[in-house]
Structure formats: structure tokens, C-alpha cells
PDB file of all heavy atoms in Angstrom:
ATOM      1  N   VAL A   1      80.670 141.443  93.966  1.00  0.00           N
ATOM      2  CA  VAL A   1      80.338 140.201  94.663  1.00  0.00           C
ATOM      3  C   VAL A   1      80.420 140.485  96.162  1.00  0.00           C
ATOM      4  O   VAL A   1      81.364 141.079  96.678  1.00  0.00           O
ATOM      5  CB  VAL A   1      81.209 139.034  94.248  1.00  0.00           C
ATOM      6  CG1 VAL A   1      82.731 139.279  94.490  1.00  0.00           C
ATOM      7  CG2 VAL A   1      80.811 137.761  95.007  1.00  0.00           C
ATOM      8  N   ARG A   2      79.492 139.965  96.931  1.00  0.00           N
ATOM      9  CA  ARG A   2      79.466 140.140  98.373  1.00  0.00           C
ATOM     10  C   ARG A   2      79.857 138.752  99.045  1.00  0.00           C
ATOM     11  O   ARG A   2      79.201 137.758  98.848  1.00  0.00           O
ATOM     12  CB  ARG A   2      78.078 140.495  98.954  1.00  0.00           C
ATOM     13  CG  ARG A   2      78.164 140.834 100.446  1.00  0.00           C
ATOM     14  CD  ARG A   2      76.749 141.272 100.905  1.00  0.00           C
ATOM     15  NE  ARG A   2      75.803 140.138 100.939  1.00  0.00           N
ATOM     16  CZ  ARG A   2      74.501 140.251 100.954  1.00  0.00           C
ATOM     17  NH1 ARG A   2      73.957 141.469 100.836  1.00  0.00           N
ATOM     18  NH2 ARG A   2      73.788 139.168 100.990  1.00  0.00           N
ATOM     19  N   ALA A   3      81.034 138.767  99.704  1.00  0.00           N
ATOM     20  CA  ALA A   3      81.477 137.544 100.369  1.00  0.00           C
ATOM     21  C   ALA A   3      81.861 137.862 101.796  1.00  0.00           C
ATOM     22  O   ALA A   3      82.945 137.609 102.263  1.00  0.00           O
ATOM     23  CB  ALA A   3      82.697 137.002  99.589  1.00  0.00           C
ATOM     24  N   THR A   4      80.808 138.379 102.494  1.00  0.00           N
ATOM     25  CA  THR A   4      81.080 138.831 103.853  1.00  0.00           C
ATOM     26  C   THR A   4      80.776 137.707 104.836  1.00  0.00           C
ATOM     27  O   THR A   4      79.658 137.095 104.725  1.00  0.00           O
ATOM     28  CB  THR A   4      80.117 140.018 104.239  1.00  0.00           C
ATOM     29  OG1 THR A   4      80.334 141.061 103.206  1.00  0.00           O
ATOM     30  CG2 THR A   4      80.421 140.591 105.562  1.00  0.00           C
ATOM     31  N   PRO A   5      81.635 137.454 105.823  1.00  0.00           N
ATOM     32  CA  PRO A   5      81.377 136.385 106.726  1.00  0.00           C
ATOM     33  C   PRO A   5      80.065 136.636 107.511  1.00  0.00           C
ATOM     34  O   PRO A   5      79.745 137.733 107.880  1.00  0.00           O
ATOM     35  CB  PRO A   5      82.569 136.439 107.765  1.00  0.00           C
ATOM     36  CG  PRO A   5      83.660 137.048 106.925  1.00  0.00           C
ATOM     37  CD  PRO A   5      83.011 138.084 106.015  1.00  0.00           C
ATOM     38  N   GLY A   6      79.281 135.546 107.606  1.00  0.00           N
ATOM     39  CA  GLY A   6      78.053 135.654 108.343  1.00  0.00           C
ATOM     40  C   GLY A   6      76.863 136.027 107.541  1.00  0.00           C
ATOM     41  O   GLY A   6      75.692 136.001 107.947  1.00  0.00           O
ATOM     42  N   GLU A   7      77.042 136.421 106.197  1.00  0.00           N
ATOM     43  CA  GLU A   7      75.987 136.840 105.382  1.00  0.00           C
ATOM     44  C   GLU A   7      75.902 135.877 104.186  1.00  0.00           C
ATOM     45  O   GLU A   7      76.912 135.165 103.831  1.00  0.00           O
ATOM     46  CB  GLU A   7      76.134 138.256 104.791  1.00  0.00           C
ATOM     47  CG  GLU A   7      76.183 139.333 105.890  1.00  0.00           C
ATOM     48  CD  GLU A   7      76.152 140.760 105.273  1.00  0.00           C
ATOM     49  OE1 GLU A   7      75.162 141.056 104.470  1.00  0.00           O
ATOM     50  OE2 GLU A   7      77.149 141.466 105.532  1.00  0.00           O
ATOM     51  N   ARG A   8      74.738 135.865 103.563  1.00  0.00           N
ATOM     52  CA  ARG A   8      74.621 135.008 102.384  1.00  0.00           C
ATOM     53  C   ARG A   8      75.317 135.700 101.171  1.00  0.00           C
ATOM     54  O   ARG A   8      75.376 136.907 101.150  1.00  0.00           O
ATOM     55  CB  ARG A   8      73.149 134.874 101.947  1.00  0.00           C
ATOM     56  CG  ARG A   8      72.266 134.113 102.975  1.00  0.00           C
ATOM     57  CD  ARG A   8      70.871 134.131 102.584  1.00  0.00           C
ATOM     58  NE  ARG A   8      70.570 133.189 101.508  1.00  0.00           N
ATOM     59  CZ  ARG A   8      69.567 133.308 100.627  1.00  0.00           C
ATOM     60  NH1 ARG A   8      68.860 134.384 100.573  1.00  0.00           N
ATOM     61  NH2 ARG A   8      69.355 132.323  99.683  1.00  0.00           N
ATOM     62  N   PRO A   9      75.928 134.883 100.364  1.00  0.00           N
ATOM     63  CA  PRO A   9      76.643 135.457  99.228  1.00  0.00           C
ATOM     64  C   PRO A   9      75.692 136.201  98.288  1.00  0.00           C
ATOM     65  O   PRO A   9      74.526 135.849  98.216  1.00  0.00           O
ATOM     66  CB  PRO A   9      77.344 134.324  98.557  1.00  0.00           C
ATOM     67  CG  PRO A   9      76.473 133.119  98.915  1.00  0.00           C
ATOM     68  CD  PRO A   9      75.990 133.414 100.354  1.00  0.00           C
ATOM     69  N   ALA A  10      76.274 137.167  97.559  1.00  0.00           N
ATOM     70  CA  ALA A  10      75.400 137.897  96.623  1.00  0.00           C
ATOM     71  C   ALA A  10      76.303 138.548  95.501  1.00  0.00           C
ATOM     72  O   ALA A  10      77.444 138.742  95.716  1.00  0.00           O
ATOM     73  CB  ALA A  10      74.601 138.981  97.373  1.00  0.00           C
ATOM     74  N   VAL A  11      75.648 138.937  94.430  1.00  0.00           N
ATOM     75  CA  VAL A  11      76.303 139.698  93.428  1.00  0.00           C
ATOM     76  C   VAL A  11      75.374 140.874  93.076  1.00  0.00           C
ATOM     77  O   VAL A  11      74.191 140.853  93.332  1.00  0.00           O
ATOM     78  CB  VAL A  11      76.564 138.885  92.127  1.00  0.00           C
ATOM     79  CG1 VAL A  11      77.611 137.804  92.364  1.00  0.00           C
ATOM     80  CG2 VAL A  11      75.273 138.243  91.537  1.00  0.00           C
ATOM     81  N   GLY A  12      75.992 141.956  92.478  1.00  0.00           N
ATOM     82  CA  GLY A  12      75.167 143.051  92.174  1.00  0.00           C
ATOM     83  C   GLY A  12      75.680 143.700  90.881  1.00  0.00           C
ATOM     84  O   GLY A  12      76.826 143.492  90.423  1.00  0.00           O
ATOM     85  N   ASP A  13      74.719 144.418  90.187  1.00  0.00           N
ATOM     86  CA  ASP A  13      74.988 145.083  88.889  1.00  0.00           C
ATOM     87  C   ASP A  13      75.025 146.569  89.111  1.00  0.00           C
ATOM     88  O   ASP A  13      75.027 147.312  88.123  1.00  0.00           O
ATOM     89  CB  ASP A  13      74.046 144.674  87.847  1.00  0.00           C
ATOM     90  CG  ASP A  13      72.609 145.091  88.096  1.00  0.00           C
ATOM     91  OD1 ASP A  13      72.347 145.588  89.238  1.00  0.00           O
ATOM     92  OD2 ASP A  13      71.832 144.967  87.151  1.00  0.00           O
ATOM     93  N   GLY A  14      74.997 147.091  90.371  1.00  0.00           N
ATOM     94  CA  GLY A  14      74.899 148.540  90.579  1.00  0.00           C
ATOM     95  C   GLY A  14      73.490 149.066  90.825  1.00  0.00           C
ATOM     96  O   GLY A  14      73.337 150.144  91.368  1.00  0.00           O
ATOM     97  N   ARG A  15      72.503 148.266  90.403  1.00  0.00           N
ATOM     98  CA  ARG A  15      71.104 148.660  90.645  1.00  0.00           C
ATOM     99  C   ARG A  15      70.460 147.624  91.440  1.00  0.00           C
ATOM    100  O   ARG A  15      69.601 147.926  92.354  1.00  0.00           O
ATOM    101  CB  ARG A  15      70.370 148.768  89.298  1.00  0.00           C
ATOM    102  CG  ARG A  15      70.881 149.915  88.404  1.00  0.00           C
ATOM    103  CD  ARG A  15      70.103 149.952  87.046  1.00  0.00           C
ATOM    104  NE  ARG A  15      70.373 148.629  86.393  1.00  0.00           N
ATOM    105  CZ  ARG A  15      69.715 148.205  85.281  1.00  0.00           C
ATOM    106  NH1 ARG A  15      68.772 149.062  84.760  1.00  0.00           N
ATOM    107  NH2 ARG A  15      69.974 147.104  84.696  1.00  0.00           N
ATOM    108  N   HIS A  16      70.671 146.354  91.212  1.00  0.00           N
ATOM    109  CA  HIS A  16      70.027 145.290  91.954  1.00  0.00           C
ATOM    110  C   HIS A  16      71.119 144.347  92.582  1.00  0.00           C
ATOM    111  O   HIS A  16      72.219 144.223  92.092  1.00  0.00           O
ATOM    112  CB  HIS A  16      69.155 144.393  91.039  1.00  0.00           C
ATOM    113  CG  HIS A  16      68.082 145.216  90.255  1.00  0.00           C
ATOM    114  ND1 HIS A  16      68.290 145.685  89.025  1.00  0.00           N
ATOM    115  CD2 HIS A  16      66.871 145.609  90.751  1.00  0.00           C
ATOM    116  CE1 HIS A  16      67.252 146.389  88.624  1.00  0.00           C
ATOM    117  NE2 HIS A  16      66.360 146.337  89.625  1.00  0.00           N
ATOM    118  N   THR A  17      70.675 143.743  93.736  1.00  0.00           N
ATOM    119  CA  THR A  17      71.516 142.720  94.433  1.00  0.00           C
ATOM    120  C   THR A  17      70.788 141.403  94.262  1.00  0.00           C
ATOM    121  O   THR A  17      69.635 141.293  94.506  1.00  0.00           O
ATOM    122  CB  THR A  17      71.657 143.037  95.843  1.00  0.00           C
ATOM    123  OG1 THR A  17      72.343 144.345  95.940  1.00  0.00           O
ATOM    124  CG2 THR A  17      72.495 142.031  96.649  1.00  0.00           C
ATOM    125  N   PHE A  18      71.551 140.377  93.862  1.00  0.00           N
ATOM    126  CA  PHE A  18      71.075 139.055  93.704  1.00  0.00           C
ATOM    127  C   PHE A  18      71.723 138.150  94.793  1.00  0.00           C
ATOM    128  O   PHE A  18      72.887 137.846  94.659  1.00  0.00           O
ATOM    129  CB  PHE A  18      71.381 138.553  92.294  1.00  0.00           C
ATOM    130  CG  PHE A  18      70.808 139.363  91.163  1.00  0.00           C
ATOM    131  CD1 PHE A  18      71.556 140.463  90.657  1.00  0.00           C
ATOM    132  CD2 PHE A  18      69.526 139.151  90.639  1.00  0.00           C
ATOM    133  CE1 PHE A  18      71.024 141.272  89.648  1.00  0.00           C
ATOM    134  CE2 PHE A  18      68.995 139.937  89.668  1.00  0.00           C
ATOM    135  CZ  PHE A  18      69.815 141.010  89.203  1.00  0.00           C
ATOM    136  N   GLU A  19      70.884 137.758  95.710  1.00  0.00           N
ATOM    137  CA  GLU A  19      71.384 136.995  96.926  1.00  0.00           C
ATOM    138  C   GLU A  19      70.902 135.541  96.699  1.00  0.00           C
ATOM    139  O   GLU A  19      69.840 135.324  96.292  1.00  0.00           O
ATOM    140  CB  GLU A  19      70.794 137.606  98.186  1.00  0.00           C
ATOM    141  CG  GLU A  19      71.282 137.005  99.413  1.00  0.00           C
ATOM    142  CD  GLU A  19      70.659 137.641 100.659  1.00  0.00           C
ATOM    143  OE1 GLU A  19      71.280 138.605 101.157  1.00  0.00           O
ATOM    144  OE2 GLU A  19      69.621 137.177 101.128  1.00  0.00           O
ATOM    145  N   ALA A  20      71.723 134.611  97.163  1.00  0.00           N
ATOM    146  CA  ALA A  20      71.392 133.172  97.095  1.00  0.00           C
ATOM    147  C   ALA A  20      72.274 132.390  98.044  1.00  0.00           C
ATOM    148  O   ALA A  20      73.164 132.922  98.653  1.00  0.00           O
ATOM    149  CB  ALA A  20      71.587 132.752  95.593  1.00  0.00           C
ATOM    150  N   ASP A  21      71.887 131.133  98.128  1.00  0.00           N
ATOM    151  CA  ASP A  21      72.758 130.230  98.917  1.00  0.00           C
ATOM    152  C   ASP A  21      74.087 129.970  98.240  1.00  0.00           C
ATOM    153  O   ASP A  21      75.103 129.804  98.992  1.00  0.00           O
ATOM    154  CB  ASP A  21      72.018 128.882  99.177  1.00  0.00           C
ATOM    155  CG  ASP A  21      70.683 129.064  99.890  1.00  0.00           C
ATOM    156  OD1 ASP A  21      70.631 129.733 100.948  1.00  0.00           O
ATOM    157  OD2 ASP A  21      69.678 128.519  99.439  1.00  0.00           O
ATOM    158  N   LEU A  22      74.052 129.936  96.943  1.00  0.00           N
ATOM    159  CA  LEU A  22      75.245 129.586  96.148  1.00  0.00           C
ATOM    160  C   LEU A  22      75.422 130.560  94.977  1.00  0.00           C
ATOM    161  O   LEU A  22      74.398 130.827  94.286  1.00  0.00           O
ATOM    162  CB  LEU A  22      75.210 128.140  95.644  1.00  0.00           C
ATOM    163  CG  LEU A  22      76.377 127.739  94.795  1.00  0.00           C
ATOM    164  CD1 LEU A  22      77.643 127.542  95.592  1.00  0.00           C
ATOM    165  CD2 LEU A  22      75.999 126.321  94.114  1.00  0.00           C
ATOM    166  N   ILE A  23      76.601 131.076  94.819  1.00  0.00           N
ATOM    167  CA  ILE A  23      76.897 131.879  93.582  1.00  0.00           C
ATOM    168  C   ILE A  23      77.891 131.036  92.762  1.00  0.00           C
ATOM    169  O   ILE A  23      78.946 130.609  93.268  1.00  0.00           O
ATOM    170  CB  ILE A  23      77.539 133.241  93.947  1.00  0.00           C
ATOM    171  CG1 ILE A  23      76.635 134.007  94.899  1.00  0.00           C
ATOM    172  CG2 ILE A  23      77.843 134.020  92.656  1.00  0.00           C
ATOM    173  CD1 ILE A  23      75.339 134.501  94.332  1.00  0.00           C
ATOM    174  N   VAL A  24      77.521 130.860  91.508  1.00  0.00           N
ATOM    175  CA  VAL A  24      78.399 130.192  90.577  1.00  0.00           C
ATOM    176  C   VAL A  24      78.938 131.198  89.579  1.00  0.00           C
ATOM    177  O   VAL A  24      78.207 131.786  88.785  1.00  0.00           O
ATOM    178  CB  VAL A  24      77.704 129.065  89.816  1.00  0.00           C
ATOM    179  CG1 VAL A  24      78.687 128.344  88.875  1.00  0.00           C
ATOM    180  CG2 VAL A  24      77.101 128.023  90.815  1.00  0.00           C
ATOM    181  N   ALA A  25      80.259 131.493  89.620  1.00  0.00           N
ATOM    182  CA  ALA A  25      80.920 132.420  88.639  1.00  0.00           C
ATOM    183  C   ALA A  25      81.318 131.610  87.412  1.00  0.00           C
ATOM    184  O   ALA A  25      82.351 131.011  87.365  1.00  0.00           O
ATOM    185  CB  ALA A  25      82.124 133.016  89.336  1.00  0.00           C
ATOM    186  N   ALA A  26      80.481 131.699  86.454  1.00  0.00           N
ATOM    187  CA  ALA A  26      80.757 131.081  85.125  1.00  0.00           C
ATOM    188  C   ALA A  26      80.801 132.180  84.091  1.00  0.00           C
ATOM    189  O   ALA A  26      80.389 132.084  82.951  1.00  0.00           O
ATOM    190  CB  ALA A  26      79.651 130.075  84.733  1.00  0.00           C
TER     191      ALA A  26
END
């Protein structure tokens, strides 16, 4: 999970990065 100040949050699976305004960890 990317939670870097100043950047949009994102998650990755090692191959692709999924960026969005909101990440919901369910």
C-alpha cells in the first residue's frame, strides 16, 4: 500500500499499481 504524503493512495500486487482517491481495506 502506498500512503506517501502528497501523493494519491495506491495498492499494488507486484505487477500493477491501483491508484485512487480512496482505498478501502476490506
